[in-house]
């Protein structure tokens, strides 16, 4: 673990989100769908560290640009997308966190507030159940009350897509964070 911190006490994550974030996303994702089928080793091999990091960087690029077209390409399909969650500003928890169709307008709203994500550190946590798991340290900032602030994130990339796409993103202020 990177020692990325803890989720804020006031955050209202669903039980599934809390458990998934704490138990390294891959273990619980397999149980998220009753139609989950075993994924071949060949499919999981698509999700090496480089492919996973590339998917994360493409998502951050589309997010920072407010680019809905690019976002559609880098997000997992409706069948494999699980959630995008964060604290305020731009809070996104249940049930909105699972709203894949709403991601484009959410990103455009955040772009209007000049929200930016800057990757500081990436850690590849391996592949399981068809998903590549990662942890991040990043800086998040926006005009609506968020100076540059350290954040911790965990997520997963869908290995069945070619290229791999972002299926899970959960971020919150890093423990003991201060504006940088």
C-alpha atoms as a PDB file:
ATOM      1  CA  UNK A   1       0.000   0.000   0.000  1.00  0.00           C
ATOM      2  CA  UNK A   2       1.103   3.558  -0.618  1.00  0.00           C
ATOM      3  CA  UNK A   3      -0.189   4.826   2.683  1.00  0.00           C
ATOM      4  CA  UNK A   4      -2.599   6.972   0.730  1.00  0.00           C
ATOM      5  CA  UNK A   5      -4.735   7.914   3.721  1.00  0.00           C
ATOM      6  CA  UNK A   6      -8.269   7.252   4.772  1.00  0.00           C
ATOM      7  CA  UNK A   7     -11.653   8.315   3.499  1.00  0.00           C
ATOM      8  CA  UNK A   8     -13.119  11.308   5.313  1.00  0.00           C
ATOM      9  CA  UNK A   9     -15.446  10.484   8.221  1.00  0.00           C
ATOM     10  CA  UNK A  10     -18.276  12.535   6.704  1.00  0.00           C
ATOM     11  CA  UNK A  11     -18.224  10.738   3.344  1.00  0.00           C
ATOM     12  CA  UNK A  12     -21.338   8.709   2.653  1.00  0.00           C
ATOM     13  CA  UNK A  13     -20.127   5.761   0.639  1.00  0.00           C
ATOM     14  CA  UNK A  14     -22.403   2.777   0.237  1.00  0.00           C
ATOM     15  CA  UNK A  15     -21.378  -0.319   2.134  1.00  0.00           C
ATOM     16  CA  UNK A  16     -20.308  -1.916  -1.159  1.00  0.00           C
ATOM     17  CA  UNK A  17     -18.116   1.067  -2.022  1.00  0.00           C
ATOM     18  CA  UNK A  18     -16.428   1.122   1.387  1.00  0.00           C
ATOM     19  CA  UNK A  19     -15.731  -2.581   1.337  1.00  0.00           C
ATOM     20  CA  UNK A  20     -14.479  -2.491  -2.223  1.00  0.00           C
ATOM     21  CA  UNK A  21     -12.116   0.399  -1.582  1.00  0.00           C
ATOM     22  CA  UNK A  22     -10.756  -1.279   1.541  1.00  0.00           C
ATOM     23  CA  UNK A  23     -10.458  -4.769   0.104  1.00  0.00           C
ATOM     24  CA  UNK A  24      -8.705  -3.891  -3.133  1.00  0.00           C
ATOM     25  CA  UNK A  25     -11.353  -3.472  -5.756  1.00  0.00           C
ATOM     26  CA  UNK A  26     -10.784  -6.745  -7.623  1.00  0.00           C
ATOM     27  CA  UNK A  27     -12.085  -9.167  -5.004  1.00  0.00           C
ATOM     28  CA  UNK A  28     -15.546  -7.651  -4.773  1.00  0.00           C
ATOM     29  CA  UNK A  29     -16.006  -6.668  -8.407  1.00  0.00           C
ATOM     30  CA  UNK A  30     -16.486 -10.270  -9.384  1.00  0.00           C
ATOM     31  CA  UNK A  31     -19.574 -10.351  -7.171  1.00  0.00           C
ATOM     32  CA  UNK A  32     -21.034  -7.117  -8.571  1.00  0.00           C
ATOM     33  CA  UNK A  33     -22.744  -8.822 -11.451  1.00  0.00           C
ATOM     34  CA  UNK A  34     -24.683 -12.036 -11.453  1.00  0.00           C
ATOM     35  CA  UNK A  35     -23.622 -12.439 -15.084  1.00  0.00           C
ATOM     36  CA  UNK A  36     -19.887 -12.170 -14.383  1.00  0.00           C
ATOM     37  CA  UNK A  37     -18.149 -14.833 -16.408  1.00  0.00           C
ATOM     38  CA  UNK A  38     -14.632 -16.113 -15.882  1.00  0.00           C
ATOM     39  CA  UNK A  39     -12.141 -14.035 -17.824  1.00  0.00           C
ATOM     40  CA  UNK A  40      -9.416 -15.813 -19.730  1.00  0.00           C
ATOM     41  CA  UNK A  41      -5.785 -15.220 -18.923  1.00  0.00           C
ATOM     42  CA  UNK A  42      -5.446 -13.709 -22.400  1.00  0.00           C
ATOM     43  CA  UNK A  43      -7.975 -10.989 -21.568  1.00  0.00           C
ATOM     44  CA  UNK A  44      -6.344 -10.304 -18.197  1.00  0.00           C
ATOM     45  CA  UNK A  45      -2.953 -10.024 -19.930  1.00  0.00           C
ATOM     46  CA  UNK A  46      -4.308  -6.937 -21.720  1.00  0.00           C
ATOM     47  CA  UNK A  47      -4.244  -5.211 -18.349  1.00  0.00           C
ATOM     48  CA  UNK A  48      -0.597  -5.036 -17.523  1.00  0.00           C
ATOM     49  CA  UNK A  49       0.794  -2.089 -15.577  1.00  0.00           C
ATOM     50  CA  UNK A  50       1.444   0.012 -18.690  1.00  0.00           C
ATOM     51  CA  UNK A  51      -2.062  -0.517 -20.138  1.00  0.00           C
ATOM     52  CA  UNK A  52      -3.642   0.288 -16.767  1.00  0.00           C
ATOM     53  CA  UNK A  53      -1.581   3.434 -16.263  1.00  0.00           C
ATOM     54  CA  UNK A  54      -2.382   4.504 -19.837  1.00  0.00           C
ATOM     55  CA  UNK A  55      -6.125   4.095 -19.196  1.00  0.00           C
ATOM     56  CA  UNK A  56      -5.818   6.218 -16.035  1.00  0.00           C
ATOM     57  CA  UNK A  57      -3.850   8.917 -17.864  1.00  0.00           C
ATOM     58  CA  UNK A  58      -6.365   8.977 -20.725  1.00  0.00           C
ATOM     59  CA  UNK A  59      -9.211   9.379 -18.244  1.00  0.00           C
ATOM     60  CA  UNK A  60      -7.435  12.241 -16.457  1.00  0.00           C
ATOM     61  CA  UNK A  61      -6.746  13.905 -19.819  1.00  0.00           C
ATOM     62  CA  UNK A  62     -10.383  13.656 -20.919  1.00  0.00           C
ATOM     63  CA  UNK A  63     -11.578  14.828 -17.489  1.00  0.00           C
ATOM     64  CA  UNK A  64      -9.254  17.841 -17.426  1.00  0.00           C
ATOM     65  CA  UNK A  65     -10.241  18.793 -20.978  1.00  0.00           C
ATOM     66  CA  UNK A  66     -13.973  18.362 -20.298  1.00  0.00           C
ATOM     67  CA  UNK A  67     -13.978  16.266 -23.469  1.00  0.00           C
ATOM     68  CA  UNK A  68     -17.181  14.186 -23.611  1.00  0.00           C
ATOM     69  CA  UNK A  69     -16.167  12.363 -26.794  1.00  0.00           C
ATOM     70  CA  UNK A  70     -12.845  11.205 -25.313  1.00  0.00           C
ATOM     71  CA  UNK A  71     -14.601  10.359 -22.043  1.00  0.00           C
ATOM     72  CA  UNK A  72     -16.957   7.987 -23.883  1.00  0.00           C
ATOM     73  CA  UNK A  73     -13.923   6.112 -25.212  1.00  0.00           C
ATOM     74  CA  UNK A  74     -12.030   5.809 -21.917  1.00  0.00           C
ATOM     75  CA  UNK A  75     -14.972   4.886 -19.644  1.00  0.00           C
ATOM     76  CA  UNK A  76     -16.074   1.274 -19.383  1.00  0.00           C
ATOM     77  CA  UNK A  77     -19.307   0.222 -21.061  1.00  0.00           C
ATOM     78  CA  UNK A  78     -22.595   0.439 -19.183  1.00  0.00           C
ATOM     79  CA  UNK A  79     -22.291  -3.288 -18.436  1.00  0.00           C
ATOM     80  CA  UNK A  80     -18.870  -3.065 -16.775  1.00  0.00           C
ATOM     81  CA  UNK A  81     -18.827   0.496 -15.387  1.00  0.00           C
ATOM     82  CA  UNK A  82     -19.294   0.346 -11.604  1.00  0.00           C
ATOM     83  CA  UNK A  83     -18.886   3.896 -10.254  1.00  0.00           C
ATOM     84  CA  UNK A  84     -17.085   7.215 -10.085  1.00  0.00           C
ATOM     85  CA  UNK A  85     -17.173   8.701  -6.571  1.00  0.00           C
ATOM     86  CA  UNK A  86     -15.622  11.727  -4.908  1.00  0.00           C
ATOM     87  CA  UNK A  87     -16.252  14.160  -2.090  1.00  0.00           C
ATOM     88  CA  UNK A  88     -17.181  17.840  -2.472  1.00  0.00           C
ATOM     89  CA  UNK A  89     -16.952  19.980  -4.398  1.00  0.00           C
ATOM     90  CA  UNK A  90     -18.685  18.055  -7.135  1.00  0.00           C
ATOM     91  CA  UNK A  91     -19.693  15.386  -4.642  1.00  0.00           C
ATOM     92  CA  UNK A  92     -20.691  12.136  -6.331  1.00  0.00           C
ATOM     93  CA  UNK A  93     -22.005   9.346  -4.090  1.00  0.00           C
ATOM     94  CA  UNK A  94     -24.802   6.777  -4.315  1.00  0.00           C
ATOM     95  CA  UNK A  95     -26.850   6.562  -6.432  1.00  0.00           C
ATOM     96  CA  UNK A  96     -25.207   9.133  -8.715  1.00  0.00           C
ATOM     97  CA  UNK A  97     -21.795   7.453  -8.502  1.00  0.00           C
ATOM     98  CA  UNK A  98     -23.143   4.564 -10.606  1.00  0.00           C
ATOM     99  CA  UNK A  99     -24.719   6.822 -13.229  1.00  0.00           C
ATOM    100  CA  UNK A 100     -22.564   6.036 -16.262  1.00  0.00           C
ATOM    101  CA  UNK A 101     -24.753   8.024 -18.701  1.00  0.00           C
ATOM    102  CA  UNK A 102     -24.475  11.069 -16.414  1.00  0.00           C
ATOM    103  CA  UNK A 103     -20.676  11.110 -16.442  1.00  0.00           C
ATOM    104  CA  UNK A 104     -20.408  13.327 -19.537  1.00  0.00           C
ATOM    105  CA  UNK A 105     -22.514  16.122 -18.036  1.00  0.00           C
ATOM    106  CA  UNK A 106     -20.795  15.697 -14.649  1.00  0.00           C
ATOM    107  CA  UNK A 107     -17.370  16.127 -16.250  1.00  0.00           C
ATOM    108  CA  UNK A 108     -18.569  19.165 -18.209  1.00  0.00           C
ATOM    109  CA  UNK A 109     -19.910  20.723 -14.978  1.00  0.00           C
ATOM    110  CA  UNK A 110     -16.591  20.117 -13.241  1.00  0.00           C
ATOM    111  CA  UNK A 111     -14.723  21.494 -16.254  1.00  0.00           C
ATOM    112  CA  UNK A 112     -16.803  24.687 -16.002  1.00  0.00           C
ATOM    113  CA  UNK A 113     -15.355  25.011 -12.470  1.00  0.00           C
ATOM    114  CA  UNK A 114     -11.852  24.500 -13.926  1.00  0.00           C
ATOM    115  CA  UNK A 115     -11.411  21.289 -11.955  1.00  0.00           C
ATOM    116  CA  UNK A 116      -8.111  19.593 -12.634  1.00  0.00           C
ATOM    117  CA  UNK A 117      -6.648  16.295 -11.572  1.00  0.00           C
ATOM    118  CA  UNK A 118      -2.884  15.912 -11.541  1.00  0.00           C
ATOM    119  CA  UNK A 119      -1.424  12.450 -11.115  1.00  0.00           C
ATOM    120  CA  UNK A 120       1.370  12.381  -8.543  1.00  0.00           C
ATOM    121  CA  UNK A 121       1.819   8.662  -8.009  1.00  0.00           C
ATOM    122  CA  UNK A 122       0.472   5.483  -9.592  1.00  0.00           C
ATOM    123  CA  UNK A 123       0.598   1.993  -8.094  1.00  0.00           C
ATOM    124  CA  UNK A 124      -0.489  -1.078 -10.030  1.00  0.00           C
ATOM    125  CA  UNK A 125      -2.152  -3.632  -7.733  1.00  0.00           C
ATOM    126  CA  UNK A 126      -2.480  -6.497 -10.186  1.00  0.00           C
ATOM    127  CA  UNK A 127      -5.309  -8.167 -12.050  1.00  0.00           C
ATOM    128  CA  UNK A 128      -8.177 -10.284 -10.790  1.00  0.00           C
ATOM    129  CA  UNK A 129     -11.676 -11.171 -11.939  1.00  0.00           C
ATOM    130  CA  UNK A 130     -11.086  -9.375 -15.245  1.00  0.00           C
ATOM    131  CA  UNK A 131     -10.145  -6.039 -13.682  1.00  0.00           C
ATOM    132  CA  UNK A 132      -6.758  -4.372 -13.207  1.00  0.00           C
ATOM    133  CA  UNK A 133      -6.596  -2.572  -9.884  1.00  0.00           C
ATOM    134  CA  UNK A 134      -4.685   0.583  -9.020  1.00  0.00           C
ATOM    135  CA  UNK A 135      -4.073   3.159  -6.316  1.00  0.00           C
ATOM    136  CA  UNK A 136      -3.286   6.812  -6.927  1.00  0.00           C
ATOM    137  CA  UNK A 137      -2.033   9.888  -5.220  1.00  0.00           C
ATOM    138  CA  UNK A 138      -3.140  12.992  -7.046  1.00  0.00           C
ATOM    139  CA  UNK A 139      -3.768  16.678  -6.635  1.00  0.00           C
ATOM    140  CA  UNK A 140      -7.301  17.925  -7.184  1.00  0.00           C
ATOM    141  CA  UNK A 141      -8.258  21.587  -7.547  1.00  0.00           C
ATOM    142  CA  UNK A 142     -11.274  23.597  -8.708  1.00  0.00           C
ATOM    143  CA  UNK A 143     -12.574  27.153  -8.674  1.00  0.00           C
ATOM    144  CA  UNK A 144     -15.550  26.306  -6.444  1.00  0.00           C
ATOM    145  CA  UNK A 145     -13.654  26.147  -3.196  1.00  0.00           C
ATOM    146  CA  UNK A 146     -10.935  23.559  -3.704  1.00  0.00           C
ATOM    147  CA  UNK A 147      -7.371  24.845  -3.692  1.00  0.00           C
ATOM    148  CA  UNK A 148      -4.730  22.322  -4.832  1.00  0.00           C
ATOM    149  CA  UNK A 149      -5.374  19.452  -2.399  1.00  0.00           C
ATOM    150  CA  UNK A 150      -3.796  15.993  -2.024  1.00  0.00           C
ATOM    151  CA  UNK A 151      -6.220  13.174  -2.837  1.00  0.00           C
ATOM    152  CA  UNK A 152      -6.027   9.408  -2.607  1.00  0.00           C
ATOM    153  CA  UNK A 153      -7.839   7.181  -5.075  1.00  0.00           C
ATOM    154  CA  UNK A 154      -8.415   3.543  -5.847  1.00  0.00           C
ATOM    155  CA  UNK A 155      -9.941   2.114  -8.952  1.00  0.00           C
ATOM    156  CA  UNK A 156     -10.141  -0.582 -11.545  1.00  0.00           C
ATOM    157  CA  UNK A 157      -9.813  -0.934 -15.287  1.00  0.00           C
ATOM    158  CA  UNK A 158     -11.981  -3.336 -17.311  1.00  0.00           C
ATOM    159  CA  UNK A 159      -9.658  -5.831 -18.983  1.00  0.00           C
ATOM    160  CA  UNK A 160     -12.320  -7.188 -21.343  1.00  0.00           C
ATOM    161  CA  UNK A 161     -12.321  -3.934 -23.318  1.00  0.00           C
ATOM    162  CA  UNK A 162      -9.706  -3.268 -25.951  1.00  0.00           C
ATOM    163  CA  UNK A 163      -8.040  -1.011 -25.024  1.00  0.00           C
ATOM    164  CA  UNK A 164      -8.821  -1.370 -21.298  1.00  0.00           C
ATOM    165  CA  UNK A 165     -11.316   1.187 -19.951  1.00  0.00           C
ATOM    166  CA  UNK A 166     -11.998   2.788 -16.574  1.00  0.00           C
ATOM    167  CA  UNK A 167     -14.655   0.914 -14.557  1.00  0.00           C
ATOM    168  CA  UNK A 168     -14.112   2.209 -10.998  1.00  0.00           C
ATOM    169  CA  UNK A 169     -12.762   5.474  -9.590  1.00  0.00           C
ATOM    170  CA  UNK A 170     -13.156   6.392  -5.939  1.00  0.00           C
ATOM    171  CA  UNK A 171     -11.254   9.359  -4.503  1.00  0.00           C
ATOM    172  CA  UNK A 172     -11.243  11.512  -1.392  1.00  0.00           C
ATOM    173  CA  UNK A 173      -8.944  13.917   0.403  1.00  0.00           C
ATOM    174  CA  UNK A 174      -5.856  12.191   1.675  1.00  0.00           C
ATOM    175  CA  UNK A 175      -5.621  11.890   5.466  1.00  0.00           C
ATOM    176  CA  UNK A 176      -4.153  14.970   7.111  1.00  0.00           C
ATOM    177  CA  UNK A 177      -4.151  16.753   3.768  1.00  0.00           C
ATOM    178  CA  UNK A 178      -3.398  20.434   3.477  1.00  0.00           C
ATOM    179  CA  UNK A 179      -3.625  22.629   0.452  1.00  0.00           C
ATOM    180  CA  UNK A 180      -0.264  22.575  -1.351  1.00  0.00           C
END
